PDB file of N, CA and C in Angstrom:
ATOM      1  N   MET A   1      14.240  49.827  89.561  1.00  0.00           N
ATOM      2  CA  MET A   1      13.333  51.052  89.130  1.00  0.00           C
ATOM      3  C   MET A   1      12.169  50.168  88.557  1.00  0.00           C
ATOM      4  N   ASP A   2      11.103  50.823  89.021  1.00  0.00           N
ATOM      5  CA  ASP A   2       9.738  49.782  88.580  1.00  0.00           C
ATOM      6  C   ASP A   2       9.589  49.900  87.032  1.00  0.00           C
ATOM      7  N   VAL A   3       9.004  48.778  86.263  1.00  0.00           N
ATOM      8  CA  VAL A   3       8.843  48.459  85.310  1.00  0.00           C
ATOM      9  C   VAL A   3       8.153  49.636  84.266  1.00  0.00           C
ATOM     10  N   ASN A   4       6.917  49.561  85.638  1.00  0.00           N
ATOM     11  CA  ASN A   4       6.161  50.624  84.318  1.00  0.00           C
ATOM     12  C   ASN A   4       6.525  52.068  84.455  1.00  0.00           C
ATOM     13  N   LEU A   5       7.247  52.469  85.213  1.00  0.00           N
ATOM     14  CA  LEU A   5       7.675  53.842  85.278  1.00  0.00           C
ATOM     15  C   LEU A   5       8.873  53.852  83.815  1.00  0.00           C
ATOM     16  N   ALA A   6       9.738  52.569  84.000  1.00  0.00           N
ATOM     17  CA  ALA A   6      10.144  53.113  82.607  1.00  0.00           C
ATOM     18  C   ALA A   6       9.561  52.916  81.506  1.00  0.00           C
ATOM     19  N   ARG A   7       8.409  52.319  81.659  1.00  0.00           N
ATOM     20  CA  ARG A   7       7.751  51.890  79.889  1.00  0.00           C
ATOM     21  C   ARG A   7       7.311  53.587  79.598  1.00  0.00           C
ATOM     22  N   THR A   8       6.312  54.128  80.904  1.00  0.00           N
ATOM     23  CA  THR A   8       6.064  55.575  81.005  1.00  0.00           C
ATOM     24  C   THR A   8       6.744  56.240  79.973  1.00  0.00           C
ATOM     25  N   GLY A   9       8.382  56.814  81.007  1.00  0.00           N
ATOM     26  CA  GLY A   9       8.946  57.206  80.904  1.00  0.00           C
ATOM     27  C   GLY A   9       9.689  57.161  78.994  1.00  0.00           C
ATOM     28  N   GLY A  10       9.297  55.764  78.871  1.00  0.00           N
ATOM     29  CA  GLY A  10       9.824  55.868  77.219  1.00  0.00           C
ATOM     30  C   GLY A  10       8.856  56.323  76.286  1.00  0.00           C
ATOM     31  N   LEU A  11       7.280  56.084  76.775  1.00  0.00           N
ATOM     32  CA  LEU A  11       6.272  56.500  76.086  1.00  0.00           C
ATOM     33  C   LEU A  11       6.284  58.157  75.670  1.00  0.00           C
ATOM     34  N   LEU A  12       6.343  58.531  77.121  1.00  0.00           N
ATOM     35  CA  LEU A  12       6.353  59.871  77.104  1.00  0.00           C
ATOM     36  C   LEU A  12       7.504  60.705  76.000  1.00  0.00           C
ATOM     37  N   VAL A  13       9.076  59.970  76.095  1.00  0.00           N
ATOM     38  CA  VAL A  13       9.890  60.660  75.037  1.00  0.00           C
ATOM     39  C   VAL A  13       9.711  60.266  73.723  1.00  0.00           C
ATOM     40  N   ALA A  14       8.751  59.077  73.436  1.00  0.00           N
ATOM     41  CA  ALA A  14       8.404  58.750  72.360  1.00  0.00           C
ATOM     42  C   ALA A  14       7.319  60.022  71.632  1.00  0.00           C
ATOM     43  N   MET A  15       6.460  60.025  72.892  1.00  0.00           N
ATOM     44  CA  MET A  15       5.127  61.179  72.082  1.00  0.00           C
ATOM     45  C   MET A  15       5.939  62.713  71.739  1.00  0.00           C
ATOM     46  N   THR A  16       6.592  63.200  72.656  1.00  0.00           N
ATOM     47  CA  THR A  16       7.263  64.024  72.518  1.00  0.00           C
ATOM     48  C   THR A  16       8.592  64.487  71.527  1.00  0.00           C
ATOM     49  N   THR A  17       9.336  63.398  71.288  1.00  0.00           N
ATOM     50  CA  THR A  17       9.984  63.454  69.714  1.00  0.00           C
ATOM     51  C   THR A  17       9.086  63.286  68.441  1.00  0.00           C
ATOM     52  N   SER A  18       7.924  62.639  68.795  1.00  0.00           N
ATOM     53  CA  SER A  18       7.367  62.877  67.610  1.00  0.00           C
ATOM     54  C   SER A  18       6.392  63.643  67.441  1.00  0.00           C
ATOM     55  N   SER A  19       5.901  64.086  68.128  1.00  0.00           N
ATOM     56  CA  SER A  19       5.243  65.762  68.030  1.00  0.00           C
ATOM     57  C   SER A  19       5.924  66.709  67.339  1.00  0.00           C
ATOM     58  N   VAL A  20       7.515  66.534  68.039  1.00  0.00           N
ATOM     59  CA  VAL A  20       7.950  67.955  67.427  1.00  0.00           C
ATOM     60  C   VAL A  20       8.657  67.427  66.259  1.00  0.00           C
ATOM     61  N   ALA A  21       8.941  66.425  65.779  1.00  0.00           N
ATOM     62  CA  ALA A  21       9.413  65.732  64.230  1.00  0.00           C
ATOM     63  C   ALA A  21       7.923  66.260  63.744  1.00  0.00           C
ATOM     64  N   GLY A  22       6.562  66.000  64.128  1.00  0.00           N
ATOM     65  CA  GLY A  22       5.675  65.899  63.356  1.00  0.00           C
ATOM     66  C   GLY A  22       5.652  67.638  62.700  1.00  0.00           C
ATOM     67  N   SER A  23       4.963  68.304  63.652  1.00  0.00           N
ATOM     68  CA  SER A  23       5.479  69.733  63.720  1.00  0.00           C
ATOM     69  C   SER A  23       6.432  70.076  62.008  1.00  0.00           C
ATOM     70  N   LEU A  24       7.481  69.570  62.676  1.00  0.00           N
ATOM     71  CA  LEU A  24       8.755  70.143  61.366  1.00  0.00           C
ATOM     72  C   LEU A  24       8.533  70.061  60.280  1.00  0.00           C
ATOM     73  N   TYR A  25       7.853  68.789  59.997  1.00  0.00           N
ATOM     74  CA  TYR A  25       7.428  68.274  58.664  1.00  0.00           C
ATOM     75  C   TYR A  25       6.339  69.311  58.455  1.00  0.00           C
ATOM     76  N   LEU A  26       5.260  69.189  59.162  1.00  0.00           N
ATOM     77  CA  LEU A  26       4.549  70.345  58.478  1.00  0.00           C
ATOM     78  C   LEU A  26       4.769  71.516  58.279  1.00  0.00           C
ATOM     79  N   TRP A  27       5.418  72.186  58.976  1.00  0.00           N
ATOM     80  CA  TRP A  27       5.791  73.358  58.804  1.00  0.00           C
ATOM     81  C   TRP A  27       6.711  73.706  57.439  1.00  0.00           C
ATOM     82  N   ARG A  28       7.456  72.403  57.221  1.00  0.00           N
ATOM     83  CA  ARG A  28       8.012  72.579  55.999  1.00  0.00           C
ATOM     84  C   ARG A  28       7.398  72.367  54.620  1.00  0.00           C
ATOM     85  N   GLY A  29       6.318  71.330  54.985  1.00  0.00           N
ATOM     86  CA  GLY A  29       5.319  70.799  53.950  1.00  0.00           C
ATOM     87  C   GLY A  29       6.202  69.418  53.062  1.00  0.00           C
ATOM     88  N   VAL A  30       6.751  69.017  54.398  1.00  0.00           N
ATOM     89  CA  VAL A  30       6.706  67.738  53.572  1.00  0.00           C
ATOM     90  C   VAL A  30       5.733  66.600  54.316  1.00  0.00           C
ATOM     91  N   ALA A  31       4.756  66.871  54.829  1.00  0.00           N
ATOM     92  CA  ALA A  31       3.770  66.063  55.261  1.00  0.00           C
ATOM     93  C   ALA A  31       2.735  66.376  54.780  1.00  0.00           C
ATOM     94  N   ASN A  32       1.712  65.589  54.387  1.00  0.00           N
ATOM     95  CA  ASN A  32       0.552  66.103  54.192  1.00  0.00           C
ATOM     96  C   ASN A  32      -0.861  65.566  55.296  1.00  0.00           C
ATOM     97  N   LEU A  33      -1.292  67.016  56.008  1.00  0.00           N
ATOM     98  CA  LEU A  33      -2.318  66.886  56.779  1.00  0.00           C
ATOM     99  C   LEU A  33      -3.104  65.805  56.942  1.00  0.00           C
ATOM    100  N   ARG A  34      -3.873  65.879  55.802  1.00  0.00           N
ATOM    101  CA  ARG A  34      -5.207  64.706  55.347  1.00  0.00           C
ATOM    102  C   ARG A  34      -4.495  63.365  55.641  1.00  0.00           C
ATOM    103  N   LEU A  35      -3.470  63.450  54.803  1.00  0.00           N
ATOM    104  CA  LEU A  35      -2.969  61.557  54.912  1.00  0.00           C
ATOM    105  C   LEU A  35      -2.669  61.368  56.205  1.00  0.00           C
ATOM    106  N   VAL A  36      -2.137  62.498  57.015  1.00  0.00           N
ATOM    107  CA  VAL A  36      -1.712  61.871  58.546  1.00  0.00           C
ATOM    108  C   VAL A  36      -2.795  61.923  59.162  1.00  0.00           C
ATOM    109  N   ALA A  37      -4.058  62.643  59.037  1.00  0.00           N
ATOM    110  CA  ALA A  37      -5.122  62.244  60.126  1.00  0.00           C
ATOM    111  C   ALA A  37      -6.078  60.768  59.554  1.00  0.00           C
ATOM    112  N   TYR A  38      -5.934  60.601  58.011  1.00  0.00           N
ATOM    113  CA  TYR A  38      -6.434  59.292  57.892  1.00  0.00           C
ATOM    114  C   TYR A  38      -5.797  58.326  58.141  1.00  0.00           C
ATOM    115  N   ALA A  39      -3.988  58.233  58.477  1.00  0.00           N
ATOM    116  CA  ALA A  39      -3.335  56.828  59.095  1.00  0.00           C
ATOM    117  C   ALA A  39      -3.548  57.378  60.276  1.00  0.00           C
ATOM    118  N   GLY A  40      -3.923  58.413  60.942  1.00  0.00           N
ATOM    119  CA  GLY A  40      -3.943  58.240  62.640  1.00  0.00           C
ATOM    120  C   GLY A  40      -4.963  57.639  63.103  1.00  0.00           C
ATOM    121  N   VAL A  41      -6.059  57.869  62.468  1.00  0.00           N
ATOM    122  CA  VAL A  41      -7.597  56.912  62.443  1.00  0.00           C
ATOM    123  C   VAL A  41      -7.043  55.975  62.745  1.00  0.00           C
ATOM    124  N   ALA A  42      -6.692  55.217  61.465  1.00  0.00           N
ATOM    125  CA  ALA A  42      -6.319  54.241  61.396  1.00  0.00           C
ATOM    126  C   ALA A  42      -5.468  53.291  62.256  1.00  0.00           C
ATOM    127  N   MET A  43      -4.592  53.830  62.971  1.00  0.00           N
ATOM    128  CA  MET A  43      -3.631  54.063  63.871  1.00  0.00           C
ATOM    129  C   MET A  43      -3.961  53.138  65.144  1.00  0.00           C
ATOM    130  N   SER A  44      -4.695  54.361  65.047  1.00  0.00           N
ATOM    131  CA  SER A  44      -5.535  54.286  66.612  1.00  0.00           C
ATOM    132  C   SER A  44      -6.391  53.528  66.814  1.00  0.00           C
ATOM    133  N   LEU A  45      -7.294  53.202  65.794  1.00  0.00           N
ATOM    134  CA  LEU A  45      -8.239  51.546  65.906  1.00  0.00           C
ATOM    135  C   LEU A  45      -7.184  50.436  65.589  1.00  0.00           C
ATOM    136  N   GLY A  46      -6.103  50.201  65.373  1.00  0.00           N
ATOM    137  CA  GLY A  46      -5.660  49.438  65.147  1.00  0.00           C
ATOM    138  C   GLY A  46      -4.463  48.852  66.425  1.00  0.00           C
ATOM    139  N   ALA A  47      -4.510  50.255  67.262  1.00  0.00           N
ATOM    140  CA  ALA A  47      -3.850  50.071  68.694  1.00  0.00           C
ATOM    141  C   ALA A  47      -4.852  49.732  69.852  1.00  0.00           C
ATOM    142  N   PHE A  48      -6.155  50.372  69.431  1.00  0.00           N
ATOM    143  CA  PHE A  48      -7.190  49.733  70.966  1.00  0.00           C
ATOM    144  C   PHE A  48      -7.409  48.152  70.224  1.00  0.00           C
ATOM    145  N   LEU A  49      -7.602  47.886  68.936  1.00  0.00           N
ATOM    146  CA  LEU A  49      -7.842  46.294  68.867  1.00  0.00           C
ATOM    147  C   LEU A  49      -6.770  45.519  69.667  1.00  0.00           C
ATOM    148  N   GLY A  50      -5.937  46.101  69.293  1.00  0.00           N
ATOM    149  CA  GLY A  50      -4.822  45.526  69.688  1.00  0.00           C
ATOM    150  C   GLY A  50      -4.445  44.963  71.301  1.00  0.00           C
ATOM    151  N   ALA A  51      -5.227  46.474  72.029  1.00  0.00           N
ATOM    152  CA  ALA A  51      -4.829  46.503  73.513  1.00  0.00           C
ATOM    153  C   ALA A  51      -5.671  45.443  73.923  1.00  0.00           C
ATOM    154  N   ARG A  52      -6.927  45.952  72.971  1.00  0.00           N
ATOM    155  CA  ARG A  52      -7.949  44.727  73.934  1.00  0.00           C
ATOM    156  C   ARG A  52      -7.461  43.275  73.483  1.00  0.00           C
ATOM    157  N   LEU A  53      -6.763  43.094  72.652  1.00  0.00           N
ATOM    158  CA  LEU A  53      -6.664  41.753  72.104  1.00  0.00           C
ATOM    159  C   LEU A  53      -5.317  41.230  73.456  1.00  0.00           C
ATOM    160  N   GLY A  54      -4.385  42.002  73.782  1.00  0.00           N
ATOM    161  CA  GLY A  54      -3.452  41.970  74.692  1.00  0.00           C
ATOM    162  C   GLY A  54      -4.030  41.862  76.437  1.00  0.00           C
ATOM    163  N   LEU A  55      -5.381  42.625  76.451  1.00  0.00           N
ATOM    164  CA  LEU A  55      -6.097  42.175  77.448  1.00  0.00           C
ATOM    165  C   LEU A  55      -6.586  40.829  77.427  1.00  0.00           C
ATOM    166  N   PHE A  56      -7.744  40.703  76.322  1.00  0.00           N
ATOM    167  CA  PHE A  56      -7.505  39.133  76.283  1.00  0.00           C
ATOM    168  C   PHE A  56      -7.004  37.751  76.651  1.00  0.00           C
ATOM    169  N   LEU A  57      -5.784  38.122  76.423  1.00  0.00           N
ATOM    170  CA  LEU A  57      -5.034  37.007  75.944  1.00  0.00           C
ATOM    171  C   LEU A  57      -3.976  36.742  77.550  1.00  0.00           C
ATOM    172  N   ALA A  58      -4.123  38.159  78.297  1.00  0.00           N
ATOM    173  CA  ALA A  58      -3.719  38.314  79.642  1.00  0.00           C
ATOM    174  C   ALA A  58      -4.780  37.522  80.540  1.00  0.00           C
ATOM    175  N   GLY A  59      -5.555  37.866  80.063  1.00  0.00           N
ATOM    176  CA  GLY A  59      -6.807  36.620  80.785  1.00  0.00           C
ATOM    177  C   GLY A  59      -6.648  35.554  80.926  1.00  0.00           C
ATOM    178  N   VAL A  60      -6.109  34.774  79.397  1.00  0.00           N
ATOM    179  CA  VAL A  60      -6.352  33.288  79.226  1.00  0.00           C
ATOM    180  C   VAL A  60      -5.184  32.381  79.838  1.00  0.00           C
ATOM    181  N   GLU A  61      -5.556  31.604  80.031  1.00  0.00           N
ATOM    182  CA  GLU A  61      -4.289  30.816  80.437  1.00  0.00           C
ATOM    183  C   GLU A  61      -3.337  30.099  79.370  1.00  0.00           C
ATOM    184  N   GLY A  62      -2.218  30.585  79.758  1.00  0.00           N
ATOM    185  CA  GLY A  62      -1.198  30.639  78.720  1.00  0.00           C
ATOM    186  C   GLY A  62      -1.124  32.005  77.421  1.00  0.00           C
ATOM    187  N   GLY A  63      -1.974  32.426  77.762  1.00  0.00           N
ATOM    188  CA  GLY A  63      -1.894  33.880  77.247  1.00  0.00           C
ATOM    189  C   GLY A  63      -0.836  34.610  77.093  1.00  0.00           C
ATOM    190  N   ARG A  64       0.038  34.691  78.245  1.00  0.00           N
ATOM    191  CA  ARG A  64       1.130  35.713  78.190  1.00  0.00           C
ATOM    192  C   ARG A  64       1.982  35.187  77.502  1.00  0.00           C
ATOM    193  N   ARG A  65       2.221  33.360  77.845  1.00  0.00           N
ATOM    194  CA  ARG A  65       3.237  32.787  76.913  1.00  0.00           C
ATOM    195  C   ARG A  65       2.899  33.381  75.515  1.00  0.00           C
ATOM    196  N   ALA A  66       1.940  32.950  75.109  1.00  0.00           N
ATOM    197  CA  ALA A  66       1.780  33.108  73.235  1.00  0.00           C
ATOM    198  C   ALA A  66       2.115  34.747  72.900  1.00  0.00           C
ATOM    199  N   VAL A  67       1.713  35.209  73.672  1.00  0.00           N
ATOM    200  CA  VAL A  67       2.492  37.119  73.429  1.00  0.00           C
ATOM    201  C   VAL A  67       3.906  37.067  73.419  1.00  0.00           C
ATOM    202  N   GLU A  68       4.629  36.355  74.064  1.00  0.00           N
ATOM    203  CA  GLU A  68       6.079  36.360  74.122  1.00  0.00           C
ATOM    204  C   GLU A  68       6.677  35.313  73.344  1.00  0.00           C
ATOM    205  N   VAL A  69       6.104  34.419  73.103  1.00  0.00           N
ATOM    206  CA  VAL A  69       6.595  33.946  71.663  1.00  0.00           C
ATOM    207  C   VAL A  69       6.050  34.448  70.298  1.00  0.00           C
ATOM    208  N   GLY A  70       5.053  35.159  69.978  1.00  0.00           N
ATOM    209  CA  GLY A  70       4.593  35.776  69.047  1.00  0.00           C
ATOM    210  C   GLY A  70       5.816  36.907  68.585  1.00  0.00           C
ATOM    211  N   LEU A  71       6.065  37.614  69.821  1.00  0.00           N
ATOM    212  CA  LEU A  71       7.037  38.373  69.823  1.00  0.00           C
ATOM    213  C   LEU A  71       8.312  38.121  69.679  1.00  0.00           C
ATOM    214  N   GLY A  72       8.714  36.745  70.352  1.00  0.00           N
ATOM    215  CA  GLY A  72       9.922  36.941  69.639  1.00  0.00           C
ATOM    216  C   GLY A  72      10.161  36.093  68.589  1.00  0.00           C
ATOM    217  N   VAL A  73       9.197  35.436  67.899  1.00  0.00           N
ATOM    218  CA  VAL A  73       8.995  35.258  66.405  1.00  0.00           C
ATOM    219  C   VAL A  73       9.053  36.470  65.648  1.00  0.00           C
ATOM    220  N   LEU A  74       8.355  37.478  65.998  1.00  0.00           N
ATOM    221  CA  LEU A  74       8.493  38.724  64.971  1.00  0.00           C
ATOM    222  C   LEU A  74       9.924  39.372  64.966  1.00  0.00           C
ATOM    223  N   LEU A  75      10.345  39.118  66.149  1.00  0.00           N
ATOM    224  CA  LEU A  75      12.079  39.625  66.175  1.00  0.00           C
ATOM    225  C   LEU A  75      12.594  39.221  65.525  1.00  0.00           C
ATOM    226  N   LEU A  76      12.814  37.755  65.391  1.00  0.00           N
ATOM    227  CA  LEU A  76      13.312  36.898  64.706  1.00  0.00           C
ATOM    228  C   LEU A  76      13.247  37.397  62.879  1.00  0.00           C
ATOM    229  N   LEU A  77      12.370  37.346  62.709  1.00  0.00           N
ATOM    230  CA  LEU A  77      11.597  37.852  61.446  1.00  0.00           C
ATOM    231  C   LEU A  77      12.378  38.741  61.287  1.00  0.00           C
ATOM    232  N   VAL A  78      12.367  39.924  61.749  1.00  0.00           N
ATOM    233  CA  VAL A  78      12.728  41.443  61.392  1.00  0.00           C
ATOM    234  C   VAL A  78      14.452  41.081  62.032  1.00  0.00           C
ATOM    235  N   VAL A  79      15.197  40.406  62.082  1.00  0.00           N
ATOM    236  CA  VAL A  79      16.317  40.006  62.049  1.00  0.00           C
ATOM    237  C   VAL A  79      16.803  39.490  60.670  1.00  0.00           C
ATOM    238  N   PHE A  80      16.024  38.545  60.452  1.00  0.00           N
ATOM    239  CA  PHE A  80      16.425  37.789  58.761  1.00  0.00           C
ATOM    240  C   PHE A  80      16.170  38.811  58.050  1.00  0.00           C
ATOM    241  N   VAL A  81      15.020  39.460  58.203  1.00  0.00           N
ATOM    242  CA  VAL A  81      14.924  40.561  56.918  1.00  0.00           C
ATOM    243  C   VAL A  81      16.002  41.642  56.942  1.00  0.00           C
ATOM    244  N   LEU A  82      16.737  42.070  58.014  1.00  0.00           N
ATOM    245  CA  LEU A  82      17.359  43.232  57.887  1.00  0.00           C
ATOM    246  C   LEU A  82      18.789  42.742  57.659  1.00  0.00           C
ATOM    247  N   LEU A  83      19.334  41.160  57.977  1.00  0.00           N
ATOM    248  CA  LEU A  83      20.505  40.482  57.635  1.00  0.00           C
ATOM    249  C   LEU A  83      20.328  40.258  55.863  1.00  0.00           C
ATOM    250  N   GLY A  84      19.358  40.100  55.180  1.00  0.00           N
ATOM    251  CA  GLY A  84      18.906  39.593  53.641  1.00  0.00           C
ATOM    252  C   GLY A  84      18.947  41.149  53.263  1.00  0.00           C
ATOM    253  N   ARG A  85      18.973  42.381  53.545  1.00  0.00           N
ATOM    254  CA  ARG A  85      19.010  43.192  52.838  1.00  0.00           C
ATOM    255  C   ARG A  85      20.810  44.136  52.580  1.00  0.00           C
ATOM    256  N   ARG A  86      20.852  44.442  51.430  1.00  0.00           N
ATOM    257  CA  ARG A  86      22.296  45.268  51.027  1.00  0.00           C
ATOM    258  C   ARG A  86      21.882  46.480  51.077  1.00  0.00           C
ATOM    259  N   VAL A  87      22.643  46.913  52.261  1.00  0.00           N
ATOM    260  CA  VAL A  87      22.615  48.291  51.733  1.00  0.00           C
ATOM    261  C   VAL A  87      23.628  49.302  50.917  1.00  0.00           C
ATOM    262  N   GLU A  88      22.929  50.212  50.346  1.00  0.00           N
ATOM    263  CA  GLU A  88      23.545  50.644  49.431  1.00  0.00           C
ATOM    264  C   GLU A  88      23.632  52.654  49.292  1.00  0.00           C
ATOM    265  N   TRP A  89      24.725  52.586  49.711  1.00  0.00           N
ATOM    266  CA  TRP A  89      25.656  53.945  51.163  1.00  0.00           C
ATOM    267  C   TRP A  89      25.366  54.927  49.633  1.00  0.00           C
ATOM    268  N   PRO A  90      24.662  56.370  50.092  1.00  0.00           N
ATOM    269  CA  PRO A  90      25.224  57.177  48.734  1.00  0.00           C
ATOM    270  C   PRO A  90      26.337  57.541  48.579  1.00  0.00           C
ATOM    271  N   PRO A  91      26.733  58.090  47.159  1.00  0.00           N
ATOM    272  CA  PRO A  91      28.571  58.448  47.249  1.00  0.00           C
ATOM    273  C   PRO A  91      28.249  59.973  48.484  1.00  0.00           C
ATOM    274  N   ARG A  92      29.813  59.959  48.913  1.00  0.00           N
ATOM    275  CA  ARG A  92      30.409  60.634  50.039  1.00  0.00           C
ATOM    276  C   ARG A  92      30.546  62.169  49.569  1.00  0.00           C
ATOM    277  N   ARG A  93      29.646  62.945  50.273  1.00  0.00           N
ATOM    278  CA  ARG A  93      29.778  64.477  50.223  1.00  0.00           C
ATOM    279  C   ARG A  93      30.808  64.996  50.813  1.00  0.00           C
ATOM    280  N   VAL A  94      31.409  65.891  50.502  1.00  0.00           N
ATOM    281  CA  VAL A  94      32.098  66.648  51.360  1.00  0.00           C
ATOM    282  C   VAL A  94      32.137  68.547  51.017  1.00  0.00           C
ATOM    283  N   ASP A  95      32.081  68.713  51.822  1.00  0.00           N
ATOM    284  CA  ASP A  95      31.681  70.100  52.018  1.00  0.00           C
ATOM    285  C   ASP A  95      32.767  70.985  51.984  1.00  0.00           C
ATOM    286  N   ARG A  96      32.991  72.448  51.831  1.00  0.00           N
ATOM    287  CA  ARG A  96      33.967  73.240  51.973  1.00  0.00           C
ATOM    288  C   ARG A  96      34.143  73.584  53.722  1.00  0.00           C
ATOM    289  N   LEU A  97      32.991  73.303  54.563  1.00  0.00           N
ATOM    290  CA  LEU A  97      33.820  74.143  55.615  1.00  0.00           C
ATOM    291  C   LEU A  97      33.798  72.441  56.580  1.00  0.00           C
ATOM    292  N   ALA A  98      33.983  71.229  56.307  1.00  0.00           N
ATOM    293  CA  ALA A  98      34.261  69.987  56.602  1.00  0.00           C
ATOM    294  C   ALA A  98      35.662  69.940  55.790  1.00  0.00           C
ATOM    295  N   VAL A  99      35.973  70.602  54.901  1.00  0.00           N
ATOM    296  CA  VAL A  99      37.400  70.377  54.460  1.00  0.00           C
ATOM    297  C   VAL A  99      38.349  71.305  55.298  1.00  0.00           C
ATOM    298  N   ARG A 100      38.079  72.414  55.467  1.00  0.00           N
ATOM    299  CA  ARG A 100      38.896  73.367  56.358  1.00  0.00           C
ATOM    300  C   ARG A 100      39.101  73.559  57.341  1.00  0.00           C
ATOM    301  N   LEU A 101      37.639  72.504  58.042  1.00  0.00           N
ATOM    302  CA  LEU A 101      38.157  72.003  59.456  1.00  0.00           C
ATOM    303  C   LEU A 101      38.947  70.493  59.856  1.00  0.00           C
ATOM    304  N   GLY A 102      39.072  69.978  58.229  1.00  0.00           N
ATOM    305  CA  GLY A 102      40.039  69.075  58.577  1.00  0.00           C
ATOM    306  C   GLY A 102      39.138  67.177  58.631  1.00  0.00           C
ATOM    307  N   PHE A 103      37.537  67.852  58.547  1.00  0.00           N
ATOM    308  CA  PHE A 103      36.727  66.819  59.084  1.00  0.00           C
ATOM    309  C   PHE A 103      36.602  66.040  57.792  1.00  0.00           C
ATOM    310  N   VAL A 104      37.527  65.338  56.712  1.00  0.00           N
ATOM    311  CA  VAL A 104      37.543  64.552  56.075  1.00  0.00           C
ATOM    312  C   VAL A 104      37.772  62.896  56.451  1.00  0.00           C
ATOM    313  N   GLY A 105      37.156  62.195  55.913  1.00  0.00           N
ATOM    314  CA  GLY A 105      37.746  60.794  55.815  1.00  0.00           C
ATOM    315  C   GLY A 105      36.485  59.521  55.525  1.00  0.00           C
ATOM    316  N   GLU A 106      36.621  58.485  55.718  1.00  0.00           N
ATOM    317  CA  GLU A 106      35.960  57.480  55.730  1.00  0.00           C
ATOM    318  C   GLU A 106      34.793  57.345  56.513  1.00  0.00           C
TER     319      GLU A 106
END
């Protein structure tokens, strides 16, 4: 499979799920439309500047390698942050339907 086809499919799935989830959040009153609009403008500006930087680095000798190393370092930082956090699970809740169907357990 062509890598561009895989990227396009992933972007379409991400856009579809975020659009559906966003509309549900607005319908339920969980999201603030004004806040979403301001954040959307800021994220669009950041995406545009990031794309321009990526195109610039693609044309510079060694730029692709710099992007790969930078993404690798970022990934390692995320792993270390996640390993350092302690997860606190909420107390277990069991509803009546789950008990009637025998869906209790750890």
